[in-house]
């Protein structure tokens, strides 16, 4: 068992205590051959860290299968997962070593949490949303047939929001539950994952779960009966796999595709570096192909376009890498044969799943003849009108759906459909809707988080790690896709994207150290 050595330790009666530190690798001698082949003895994962991996993995696996987390019960379960995981992450750990003559070491993580910028930014956001809920400008009213919003007196110098029943889909308190779940899980991963291996296991879980969701969606397309899981009636006829809304399914699977592709690239390059006869890269390529095929046949046009852009960028990156790779490590024949086999598999699969419908939908998007795209463009224009009135204070988290009807009336094309008034729960544009609800202060918090993340990644030289680069590209394309849809209103996507936001930062740091696995 490995030993750990720390300085500036304070002693307690039963063990030596090091607060706010991370376990460090053993100083045992490792031969150059062992280091090259990666056969040196690994540092074990603490039982609490193993338990934490199970909890975070179970949380991320649960959400997409629970209808994307769009139901209240799923959001409450998600919050319970997040709270329990955070509690385990903050539990001090006692590490022991074979050569520790002075006894075991107790490691606490309070300082690490307090030094994490996203902890404070997230906490500020939660407090801000809570204040919006406690200081409503409008309150939901109904007579059982129709509903309306009644204006209230409010405190002008505090953040403002709307007052709506908790069981409704929007409102500040439902939003607070989702934000708290994502924030706690981000902090859990940052504080509790101390090894690169922990992050890699999490990525493997995400890729595998994405593959299973994709396979289930394909089977569902082959054996349809109009119900989710063949049991539950969906409130939306265009569902896919376990997601109520096909566009949410496509966006979620695109994130899984990025992780699977990243794992394939990482294992492939490590195999070349270590002269391995075999490695799991082919398995993850297969995962990525099945996921890509399912995105295409989900008939989510935005997700399919994002997927094809990602695939093109990944292929270009691979070609560039191969161009600069020494001839001794190139495997052109193997790569060509693999590409042909996988291409045939993809072609047969798409033909059997009626991919022509998906291609037709994509062509309509670029032709400018698609009614849905035009509706969303008009809805964005109306939302920008609304933003002009609420840019500073915001409507309040989850308040868009209750105040937007006033603005959509100015645009008949999105107001009346088949003789009845249309109800827009979301703007179908998160890049506009989120700032519209949270106001200037909320936007500044998100910008601060983005600035911290970018400078952290630049310091860690993220472009040198294929896994990190591909996941970052996939996450960035999800943000671009959100210009035409309400992706981040789906808890499964929001939580996964937030966790990847932190996990990939950890991965870049561990990779830059080249010795934390």
Protein backbone atom coordinates (compact mmCIF):
# COMPACT_ATOMS: atom_id res chain seq x y z
CA UNK A 1 0.00 0.00 0.00
CA UNK A 2 1.36 3.42 -0.90
CA UNK A 3 2.53 5.98 1.62
CA UNK A 4 1.76 9.70 1.72
CA UNK A 5 3.92 12.49 3.14
CA UNK A 6 2.78 15.98 4.11
CA UNK A 7 4.27 18.97 5.83
CA UNK A 8 2.87 21.45 8.38
CA UNK A 9 0.69 18.82 10.03
CA UNK A 10 -1.33 19.27 13.19
CA UNK A 11 -1.72 16.25 15.40
CA UNK A 12 -4.81 14.79 16.98
CA UNK A 13 -4.83 12.02 19.65
CA UNK A 14 -5.54 9.21 17.16
CA UNK A 15 -3.89 10.31 13.91
CA UNK A 16 -1.95 13.00 12.14
CA UNK A 17 -4.28 15.48 10.47
CA UNK A 18 -3.82 17.37 7.27
CA UNK A 19 -6.75 19.60 6.49
CA UNK A 20 -7.61 20.75 2.98
CA UNK A 21 -5.03 18.65 1.15
CA UNK A 22 -5.01 15.88 -1.42
CA UNK A 23 -3.30 12.50 -1.05
CA UNK A 24 0.01 12.43 -2.87
CA UNK A 25 1.57 9.55 -4.75
CA UNK A 26 3.93 7.21 -3.02
CA UNK A 27 7.62 7.97 -3.21
CA UNK A 28 8.45 4.33 -3.89
CA UNK A 29 11.08 3.83 -6.59
CA UNK A 30 9.66 3.09 -10.04
CA UNK A 31 11.93 1.75 -12.74
CA UNK A 32 11.95 3.49 -16.15
CA UNK A 33 10.56 0.32 -17.76
CA UNK A 34 7.64 0.23 -15.30
CA UNK A 35 6.95 3.91 -15.88
CA UNK A 36 7.02 3.44 -19.67
CA UNK A 37 4.73 0.42 -19.66
CA UNK A 38 2.45 1.71 -16.94
CA UNK A 39 2.95 -1.44 -14.86
CA UNK A 40 3.95 0.30 -11.66
CA UNK A 41 1.76 -0.36 -8.66
CA UNK A 42 -1.22 2.00 -8.60
CA UNK A 43 -2.22 4.21 -5.72
CA UNK A 44 -5.41 2.77 -4.32
CA UNK A 45 -8.67 4.72 -4.29
CA UNK A 46 -9.94 5.47 -0.83
CA UNK A 47 -13.18 3.57 0.03
CA UNK A 48 -15.00 6.90 0.41
CA UNK A 49 -13.86 7.94 -3.07
CA UNK A 50 -15.07 4.63 -4.49
CA UNK A 51 -18.41 5.18 -2.79
CA UNK A 52 -18.49 8.70 -4.21
CA UNK A 53 -17.90 7.41 -7.74
CA UNK A 54 -20.85 5.05 -7.30
CA UNK A 55 -23.11 7.87 -6.05
CA UNK A 56 -22.24 10.38 -8.78
CA UNK A 57 -22.48 7.66 -11.44
CA UNK A 58 -25.87 6.49 -10.16
CA UNK A 59 -27.08 10.10 -10.20
CA UNK A 60 -25.98 10.68 -13.81
CA UNK A 61 -27.38 7.32 -14.94
CA UNK A 62 -30.71 7.92 -13.19
CA UNK A 63 -31.61 11.30 -14.70
CA UNK A 64 -31.82 10.42 -18.41
CA UNK A 65 -33.77 7.22 -17.72
CA UNK A 66 -36.20 9.16 -15.49
CA UNK A 67 -37.75 10.95 -18.49
CA UNK A 68 -34.78 13.31 -18.63
CA UNK A 69 -35.54 14.54 -15.11
CA UNK A 70 -38.48 16.61 -16.34
CA UNK A 71 -40.87 15.35 -13.65
CA UNK A 72 -40.96 16.72 -10.10
CA UNK A 73 -40.28 13.35 -8.47
CA UNK A 74 -37.16 12.89 -10.61
CA UNK A 75 -35.87 16.34 -9.67
CA UNK A 76 -36.33 15.61 -5.96
CA UNK A 77 -34.51 12.27 -6.29
CA UNK A 78 -31.74 14.09 -8.17
CA UNK A 79 -31.40 16.59 -5.33
CA UNK A 80 -31.20 13.75 -2.78
CA UNK A 81 -28.41 12.13 -4.81
CA UNK A 82 -26.59 15.47 -4.93
CA UNK A 83 -26.89 16.13 -1.18
CA UNK A 84 -25.75 12.62 -0.21
CA UNK A 85 -22.85 12.77 -2.66
CA UNK A 86 -21.76 16.16 -1.33
CA UNK A 87 -21.87 14.86 2.25
CA UNK A 88 -19.68 11.88 1.32
CA UNK A 89 -17.25 14.14 -0.57
CA UNK A 90 -16.84 16.41 2.47
CA UNK A 91 -16.26 13.51 4.87
CA UNK A 92 -12.60 13.52 6.01
CA UNK A 93 -10.56 10.53 4.84
CA UNK A 94 -7.90 8.59 6.70
CA UNK A 95 -5.09 7.30 4.50
CA UNK A 96 -2.61 4.70 5.72
CA UNK A 97 0.67 3.53 4.20
CA UNK A 98 3.13 0.71 4.62
CA UNK A 99 6.05 2.99 5.45
CA UNK A 100 4.22 5.55 7.59
CA UNK A 101 6.02 5.04 10.87
CA UNK A 102 4.22 7.98 12.43
CA UNK A 103 0.75 6.65 11.75
CA UNK A 104 -2.18 7.33 9.38
CA UNK A 105 -3.10 10.68 7.90
CA UNK A 106 -6.49 12.32 8.09
CA UNK A 107 -7.35 14.54 5.14
CA UNK A 108 -10.14 17.11 5.16
CA UNK A 109 -11.56 18.97 2.16
CA UNK A 110 -13.12 22.12 3.63
CA UNK A 111 -10.33 24.37 2.42
CA UNK A 112 -10.37 22.83 -1.04
CA UNK A 113 -14.09 23.55 -1.29
CA UNK A 114 -13.69 27.12 -0.06
CA UNK A 115 -10.96 27.75 -2.64
CA UNK A 116 -13.19 26.50 -5.45
CA UNK A 117 -14.55 29.60 -7.28
CA UNK A 118 -17.65 27.79 -8.58
CA UNK A 119 -18.67 27.01 -4.99
CA UNK A 120 -19.04 30.73 -4.25
CA UNK A 121 -20.47 31.65 -7.65
CA UNK A 122 -23.02 28.83 -7.41
CA UNK A 123 -23.93 29.76 -3.85
CA UNK A 124 -24.46 33.37 -4.92
CA UNK A 125 -26.72 32.19 -7.75
CA UNK A 126 -28.83 30.05 -5.40
CA UNK A 127 -29.21 32.91 -2.93
CA UNK A 128 -30.14 35.23 -5.78
CA UNK A 129 -32.82 32.83 -7.09
CA UNK A 130 -34.19 32.38 -3.55
CA UNK A 131 -34.48 36.15 -3.16
CA UNK A 132 -36.34 36.30 -6.46
CA UNK A 133 -38.80 33.74 -5.10
CA UNK A 134 -39.25 35.63 -1.82
CA UNK A 135 -39.87 38.97 -3.55
CA UNK A 136 -42.42 38.29 -6.34
CA UNK A 137 -43.76 40.99 -8.64
CA UNK A 138 -46.44 38.73 -10.10
CA UNK A 139 -48.53 35.92 -8.60
CA UNK A 140 -50.26 33.10 -10.46
CA UNK A 141 -54.08 33.21 -10.35
CA UNK A 142 -56.67 30.84 -11.82
CA UNK A 143 -60.40 30.18 -11.75
CA UNK A 144 -59.97 26.56 -12.80
CA UNK A 145 -60.45 27.30 -16.50
CA UNK A 146 -58.01 30.09 -17.32
CA UNK A 147 -55.05 31.57 -15.52
CA UNK A 148 -53.53 35.03 -15.29
CA UNK A 149 -50.76 36.89 -13.45
CA UNK A 150 -51.68 39.48 -10.82
CA UNK A 151 -49.25 42.26 -9.99
CA UNK A 152 -48.07 42.61 -6.38
CA UNK A 153 -46.25 45.15 -4.27
CA UNK A 154 -42.56 44.32 -3.99
CA UNK A 155 -39.29 45.57 -2.53
CA UNK A 156 -37.70 47.50 -5.37
CA UNK A 157 -34.06 47.16 -4.27
CA UNK A 158 -34.16 43.35 -4.02
CA UNK A 159 -34.20 40.77 -6.84
CA UNK A 160 -37.73 40.07 -8.06
CA UNK A 161 -39.54 37.07 -9.49
CA UNK A 162 -42.91 35.38 -9.80
CA UNK A 163 -44.99 33.38 -7.32
CA UNK A 164 -46.36 30.15 -8.83
CA UNK A 165 -47.37 26.74 -7.41
CA UNK A 166 -44.36 24.49 -6.75
CA UNK A 167 -45.86 21.59 -8.70
CA UNK A 168 -45.88 23.68 -11.88
CA UNK A 169 -43.04 23.18 -14.32
CA UNK A 170 -41.51 26.62 -13.77
CA UNK A 171 -41.09 29.15 -11.02
CA UNK A 172 -38.10 30.02 -8.83
CA UNK A 173 -38.39 27.11 -6.37
CA UNK A 174 -38.45 24.38 -9.01
CA UNK A 175 -35.52 26.09 -10.72
CA UNK A 176 -33.73 26.27 -7.38
CA UNK A 177 -34.02 22.49 -6.96
CA UNK A 178 -32.43 21.88 -10.38
CA UNK A 179 -29.68 24.47 -9.90
CA UNK A 180 -28.87 23.15 -6.42
CA UNK A 181 -28.58 19.60 -7.74
CA UNK A 182 -26.14 20.64 -10.48
CA UNK A 183 -24.12 22.90 -8.15
CA UNK A 184 -23.73 20.31 -5.40
CA UNK A 185 -22.70 17.64 -7.92
CA UNK A 186 -20.09 19.96 -9.45
CA UNK A 187 -18.64 20.66 -6.00
CA UNK A 188 -18.75 16.94 -5.18
CA UNK A 189 -16.69 16.01 -8.23
CA UNK A 190 -14.19 18.82 -7.72
CA UNK A 191 -13.62 18.09 -4.03
CA UNK A 192 -14.04 14.33 -3.87
CA UNK A 193 -12.29 13.08 -7.02
CA UNK A 194 -8.58 13.10 -6.18
CA UNK A 195 -7.31 10.77 -8.91
CA UNK A 196 -7.39 10.79 -12.70
CA UNK A 197 -8.67 7.22 -12.51
CA UNK A 198 -11.80 8.44 -10.69
CA UNK A 199 -12.58 10.89 -13.47
CA UNK A 200 -11.90 8.24 -16.12
CA UNK A 201 -14.30 5.81 -14.45
CA UNK A 202 -16.95 8.53 -14.47
CA UNK A 203 -16.36 9.13 -18.18
CA UNK A 204 -16.67 5.39 -18.83
CA UNK A 205 -20.01 5.33 -17.01
CA UNK A 206 -21.27 8.30 -19.05
CA UNK A 207 -20.19 6.75 -22.37
CA UNK A 208 -21.66 3.35 -21.48
CA UNK A 209 -24.94 4.85 -20.33
CA UNK A 210 -25.10 6.88 -23.54
CA UNK A 211 -24.59 3.69 -25.56
CA UNK A 212 -27.39 1.92 -23.66
CA UNK A 213 -29.75 4.87 -24.17
CA UNK A 214 -28.87 4.96 -27.85
CA UNK A 215 -29.43 1.21 -28.27
CA UNK A 216 -32.76 1.49 -26.45
CA UNK A 217 -33.81 4.36 -28.73
CA UNK A 218 -32.92 2.35 -31.83
CA UNK A 219 -34.90 -0.66 -30.58
CA UNK A 220 -37.78 1.68 -29.81
CA UNK A 221 -37.71 2.93 -33.41
CA UNK A 222 -37.76 -0.66 -34.70
CA UNK A 223 -40.57 -1.79 -32.36
CA UNK A 224 -42.78 1.27 -31.87
CA UNK A 225 -46.08 1.35 -29.98
CA UNK A 226 -46.36 5.08 -29.26
CA UNK A 227 -45.39 4.85 -25.58
CA UNK A 228 -42.20 5.52 -23.61
CA UNK A 229 -40.78 2.20 -22.38
CA UNK A 230 -43.82 0.72 -24.22
CA UNK A 231 -45.80 1.50 -21.04
CA UNK A 232 -46.26 5.24 -20.45
CA UNK A 233 -48.16 7.66 -22.63
CA UNK A 234 -45.97 10.63 -23.48
CA UNK A 235 -47.21 14.21 -23.24
CA UNK A 236 -45.16 14.82 -26.39
CA UNK A 237 -45.58 12.58 -29.40
CA UNK A 238 -42.02 13.25 -30.60
CA UNK A 239 -40.25 11.40 -27.79
CA UNK A 240 -37.12 9.31 -28.19
CA UNK A 241 -35.68 6.63 -25.92
CA UNK A 242 -36.54 7.65 -22.34
CA UNK A 243 -36.78 11.39 -23.13
CA UNK A 244 -40.14 13.09 -23.50
CA UNK A 245 -38.72 15.47 -26.12
CA UNK A 246 -36.60 14.15 -28.97
CA UNK A 247 -34.40 17.27 -29.10
CA UNK A 248 -33.44 16.73 -25.46
CA UNK A 249 -32.56 13.13 -26.27
CA UNK A 250 -30.40 14.19 -29.20
CA UNK A 251 -28.54 16.83 -27.22
CA UNK A 252 -27.92 14.48 -24.29
CA UNK A 253 -26.63 11.74 -26.59
CA UNK A 254 -24.30 14.25 -28.27
CA UNK A 255 -22.62 14.87 -24.90
CA UNK A 256 -22.23 11.10 -24.45
CA UNK A 257 -20.86 10.89 -28.00
CA UNK A 258 -18.18 13.44 -27.15
CA UNK A 259 -17.15 11.45 -24.06
CA UNK A 260 -17.08 8.12 -25.94
CA UNK A 261 -15.02 9.66 -28.76
CA UNK A 262 -12.65 11.20 -26.24
CA UNK A 263 -12.13 7.87 -24.48
CA UNK A 264 -11.49 6.16 -27.84
CA UNK A 265 -8.87 8.76 -28.77
CA UNK A 266 -7.21 8.64 -25.34
CA UNK A 267 -6.92 4.84 -25.32
CA UNK A 268 -5.73 4.78 -28.94
CA UNK A 269 -2.91 7.27 -28.28
CA UNK A 270 -1.95 5.62 -25.02
CA UNK A 271 -1.84 2.25 -26.79
CA UNK A 272 0.56 3.64 -29.39
CA UNK A 273 2.71 5.24 -26.71
CA UNK A 274 2.92 1.99 -24.72
CA UNK A 275 3.11 -0.36 -27.71
CA UNK A 276 0.01 -2.19 -26.49
CA UNK A 277 -1.22 -5.10 -28.61
CA UNK A 278 -4.84 -4.24 -27.84
CA UNK A 279 -6.83 -1.61 -25.96
CA UNK A 280 -10.50 -0.56 -25.52
CA UNK A 281 -10.37 2.19 -28.17
CA UNK A 282 -12.30 0.03 -30.68
CA UNK A 283 -15.07 -0.55 -28.15
CA UNK A 284 -15.52 3.18 -27.59
CA UNK A 285 -15.49 3.82 -31.33
CA UNK A 286 -18.36 1.32 -31.58
CA UNK A 287 -20.16 3.12 -28.74
CA UNK A 288 -19.69 6.43 -30.57
CA UNK A 289 -21.05 5.03 -33.84
CA UNK A 290 -24.19 3.61 -32.22
CA UNK A 291 -24.77 6.89 -30.37
CA UNK A 292 -24.25 8.90 -33.58
CA UNK A 293 -26.68 6.65 -35.45
CA UNK A 294 -29.30 7.07 -32.70
CA UNK A 295 -28.93 10.86 -32.78
CA UNK A 296 -29.59 10.77 -36.50
CA UNK A 297 -32.69 8.60 -36.26
CA UNK A 298 -34.07 10.53 -33.29
CA UNK A 299 -35.14 13.05 -35.98
CA UNK A 300 -33.75 15.89 -33.88
CA UNK A 301 -32.44 18.12 -36.63
CA UNK A 302 -30.43 20.45 -34.43
CA UNK A 303 -28.78 17.53 -32.65
CA UNK A 304 -28.03 15.78 -35.97
CA UNK A 305 -26.38 18.92 -37.36
CA UNK A 306 -24.33 19.37 -34.17
CA UNK A 307 -23.35 15.70 -34.31
CA UNK A 308 -22.14 15.97 -37.92
CA UNK A 309 -20.13 19.10 -37.12
CA UNK A 310 -18.55 17.30 -34.17
CA UNK A 311 -17.74 14.26 -36.34
CA UNK A 312 -16.10 16.46 -38.98
CA UNK A 313 -13.97 18.26 -36.39
CA UNK A 314 -12.97 14.95 -34.77
CA UNK A 315 -11.97 13.43 -38.14
CA UNK A 316 -9.99 16.55 -39.09
CA UNK A 317 -8.19 16.43 -35.75
CA UNK A 318 -7.35 12.75 -36.21
CA UNK A 319 -6.02 13.32 -39.74
CA UNK A 320 -3.83 16.19 -38.52
CA UNK A 321 -2.50 14.02 -35.73
CA UNK A 322 -1.73 11.15 -38.11
CA UNK A 323 0.04 13.55 -40.45
CA UNK A 324 2.48 14.60 -37.73
CA UNK A 325 2.84 11.12 -36.20
CA UNK A 326 6.17 9.34 -36.87
CA UNK A 327 5.91 6.54 -39.46
CA UNK A 328 6.95 3.96 -36.87
CA UNK A 329 3.69 4.39 -34.97
CA UNK A 330 1.28 4.85 -37.86
CA UNK A 331 -1.18 2.06 -38.64
CA UNK A 332 -2.78 3.14 -41.95
CA UNK A 333 -3.98 -0.31 -43.06
CA UNK A 334 -5.64 -1.08 -39.73
CA UNK A 335 -7.29 2.34 -39.65
CA UNK A 336 -8.52 1.98 -43.25
CA UNK A 337 -10.02 -1.47 -42.66
CA UNK A 338 -11.66 -0.31 -39.43
CA UNK A 339 -13.13 2.74 -41.18
CA UNK A 340 -14.61 0.57 -43.96
CA UNK A 341 -16.16 -1.91 -41.50
CA UNK A 342 -17.63 0.81 -39.31
CA UNK A 343 -18.84 2.75 -42.35
CA UNK A 344 -20.72 -0.28 -43.66
CA UNK A 345 -22.22 -0.86 -40.22
CA UNK A 346 -23.39 2.74 -40.06
CA UNK A 347 -24.83 2.63 -43.58
CA UNK A 348 -26.80 -0.58 -42.97
CA UNK A 349 -28.08 0.69 -39.66
CA UNK A 350 -29.26 4.03 -41.04
CA UNK A 351 -30.98 2.42 -44.02
CA UNK A 352 -32.87 -0.01 -41.80
CA UNK A 353 -34.05 2.86 -39.57
CA UNK A 354 -35.48 5.06 -42.32
CA UNK A 355 -32.76 7.71 -42.15
CA UNK A 356 -34.26 9.41 -45.25
CA UNK A 357 -36.77 11.14 -42.96
CA UNK A 358 -33.94 12.59 -40.90
CA UNK A 359 -32.10 13.84 -44.01
CA UNK A 360 -35.31 15.43 -45.27
CA UNK A 361 -35.76 17.31 -41.99
CA UNK A 362 -32.19 18.58 -42.08
CA UNK A 363 -32.60 19.78 -45.67
CA UNK A 364 -35.71 21.73 -44.67
CA UNK A 365 -33.73 23.53 -41.97
CA UNK A 366 -31.18 24.83 -44.49
CA UNK A 367 -33.74 25.56 -47.19
CA UNK A 368 -35.53 28.12 -45.01
CA UNK A 369 -38.89 26.44 -45.69
CA UNK A 370 -39.32 24.80 -42.30
CA UNK A 371 -42.22 26.28 -40.32
CA UNK A 372 -40.80 25.23 -36.96
CA UNK A 373 -37.54 27.09 -37.59
CA UNK A 374 -39.46 30.21 -38.62
CA UNK A 375 -41.64 30.03 -35.50
CA UNK A 376 -38.55 29.84 -33.31
CA UNK A 377 -36.96 32.76 -35.09
CA UNK A 378 -40.06 34.86 -34.40
CA UNK A 379 -40.18 33.63 -30.79
CA UNK A 380 -36.57 34.74 -30.34
CA UNK A 381 -37.48 38.19 -31.68
CA UNK A 382 -40.39 38.41 -29.21
CA UNK A 383 -38.11 37.21 -26.39
CA UNK A 384 -35.59 39.93 -27.23
CA UNK A 385 -38.41 42.47 -26.97
CA UNK A 386 -39.12 41.06 -23.52
CA UNK A 387 -35.42 41.14 -22.66
CA UNK A 388 -35.38 44.87 -23.40
CA UNK A 389 -37.80 45.36 -20.50
CA UNK A 390 -36.25 42.88 -18.05
CA UNK A 391 -32.51 42.86 -18.87
CA UNK A 392 -31.45 44.39 -15.54
CA UNK A 393 -33.66 42.63 -12.99
CA UNK A 394 -34.90 39.64 -14.96
CA UNK A 395 -38.34 38.05 -14.88
CA UNK A 396 -37.20 35.71 -12.12
CA UNK A 397 -35.95 32.14 -12.51
CA UNK A 398 -38.60 30.00 -14.21
CA UNK A 399 -40.73 33.07 -14.90
CA UNK A 400 -40.52 33.23 -18.69
CA UNK A 401 -43.55 31.03 -19.39
CA UNK A 402 -45.83 33.14 -17.19
CA UNK A 403 -44.94 36.57 -18.62
CA UNK A 404 -44.20 35.81 -22.26
CA UNK A 405 -47.88 35.69 -23.43
CA UNK A 406 -48.02 39.51 -23.23
CA UNK A 407 -45.18 39.76 -25.77
CA UNK A 408 -46.18 36.94 -28.09
CA UNK A 409 -49.48 38.72 -28.79
CA UNK A 410 -47.47 41.25 -30.78
CA UNK A 411 -46.57 38.47 -33.23
CA UNK A 412 -49.71 36.75 -34.59
CA UNK A 413 -47.68 34.02 -36.30
CA UNK A 414 -46.68 32.53 -32.93
CA UNK A 415 -49.79 33.52 -30.99
CA UNK A 416 -52.70 31.79 -32.73
CA UNK A 417 -52.46 28.29 -34.18
CA UNK A 418 -55.53 26.50 -35.59
CA UNK A 419 -57.88 28.94 -33.92
CA UNK A 420 -56.45 28.69 -30.40
CA UNK A 421 -53.81 30.59 -28.48
CA UNK A 422 -50.41 28.92 -28.40
CA UNK A 423 -48.65 28.57 -25.05
CA UNK A 424 -44.88 28.89 -25.11
CA UNK A 425 -43.31 27.38 -22.02
CA UNK A 426 -39.85 28.29 -23.29
CA UNK A 427 -38.31 30.61 -25.85
CA UNK A 428 -36.64 27.68 -27.65
CA UNK A 429 -33.48 29.73 -27.20
CA UNK A 430 -31.62 29.26 -23.91
CA UNK A 431 -29.02 31.87 -24.83
CA UNK A 432 -31.81 34.46 -24.60
CA UNK A 433 -34.12 32.84 -22.04
CA UNK A 434 -31.61 32.27 -19.22
CA UNK A 435 -30.33 35.91 -19.18
CA UNK A 436 -33.95 37.05 -19.52
CA UNK A 437 -34.93 35.19 -16.35
CA UNK A 438 -31.82 35.85 -14.25
CA UNK A 439 -31.10 39.43 -15.24
CA UNK A 440 -27.74 41.18 -15.29
CA UNK A 441 -26.47 39.78 -11.98
CA UNK A 442 -27.14 36.19 -13.05
CA UNK A 443 -25.39 36.75 -16.39
CA UNK A 444 -22.33 38.15 -14.59
CA UNK A 445 -22.17 35.03 -12.40
CA UNK A 446 -22.20 32.74 -15.44
CA UNK A 447 -19.58 34.90 -17.18
CA UNK A 448 -17.34 34.79 -14.10
CA UNK A 449 -17.61 30.98 -14.05
CA UNK A 450 -16.73 30.84 -17.74
CA UNK A 451 -13.72 33.13 -17.33
CA UNK A 452 -12.38 31.05 -14.43
CA UNK A 453 -12.83 27.83 -16.43
CA UNK A 454 -11.10 29.18 -19.54
CA UNK A 455 -8.05 30.45 -17.68
CA UNK A 456 -7.86 27.18 -15.71
CA UNK A 457 -7.92 25.15 -18.91
CA UNK A 458 -5.32 27.36 -20.55
CA UNK A 459 -2.99 26.85 -17.58
CA UNK A 460 -3.54 23.09 -17.86
CA UNK A 461 -2.79 23.03 -21.63
CA UNK A 462 -6.10 21.31 -22.40
CA UNK A 463 -5.34 21.10 -26.14
CA UNK A 464 -2.70 18.45 -25.42
CA UNK A 465 -5.29 15.94 -24.15
CA UNK A 466 -7.53 14.39 -26.85
CA UNK A 467 -10.23 13.41 -24.37
CA UNK A 468 -10.41 16.90 -22.93
CA UNK A 469 -10.41 18.56 -26.34
CA UNK A 470 -13.21 16.39 -27.74
CA UNK A 471 -15.42 16.80 -24.66
CA UNK A 472 -14.90 20.56 -24.76
CA UNK A 473 -15.89 20.62 -28.44
CA UNK A 474 -18.99 18.54 -27.67
CA UNK A 475 -19.97 20.78 -24.75
CA UNK A 476 -19.41 23.90 -26.84
CA UNK A 477 -21.60 22.58 -29.66
CA UNK A 478 -24.34 21.92 -27.09
CA UNK A 479 -24.23 25.61 -26.15
CA UNK A 480 -24.46 26.56 -29.84
CA UNK A 481 -27.37 24.13 -30.28
CA UNK A 482 -29.10 25.85 -27.33
CA UNK A 483 -29.56 28.94 -29.51
CA UNK A 484 -32.38 27.05 -31.25
CA UNK A 485 -33.84 25.05 -28.37
CA UNK A 486 -34.38 24.89 -24.59
CA UNK A 487 -31.77 22.23 -23.87
CA UNK A 488 -30.63 23.49 -20.49
CA UNK A 489 -34.20 23.43 -19.18
CA UNK A 490 -33.82 19.63 -19.16
CA UNK A 491 -32.24 18.58 -15.83
CA UNK A 492 -30.49 15.54 -17.34
CA UNK A 493 -28.66 17.76 -19.85
CA UNK A 494 -28.03 20.59 -17.40
CA UNK A 495 -26.57 18.36 -14.69
CA UNK A 496 -24.45 16.29 -17.11
CA UNK A 497 -23.12 19.39 -18.87
CA UNK A 498 -22.28 21.00 -15.51
CA UNK A 499 -20.47 17.87 -14.29
CA UNK A 500 -18.49 17.63 -17.53
CA UNK A 501 -17.63 21.32 -17.12
CA UNK A 502 -15.83 20.47 -13.87
CA UNK A 503 -14.66 16.93 -14.65
CA UNK A 504 -12.84 17.98 -17.79
CA UNK A 505 -11.04 20.70 -15.84
CA UNK A 506 -9.89 18.06 -13.36
CA UNK A 507 -8.87 15.77 -16.21
CA UNK A 508 -6.76 18.49 -17.83
CA UNK A 509 -5.02 19.16 -14.52
CA UNK A 510 -4.34 15.47 -13.85
CA UNK A 511 -3.09 14.92 -17.40
CA UNK A 512 -0.73 17.89 -17.12
CA UNK A 513 0.78 16.30 -14.02
CA UNK A 514 1.20 12.91 -15.76
CA UNK A 515 1.34 10.92 -12.61
CA UNK A 516 -1.98 11.16 -10.83
CA UNK A 517 -3.61 8.03 -12.21
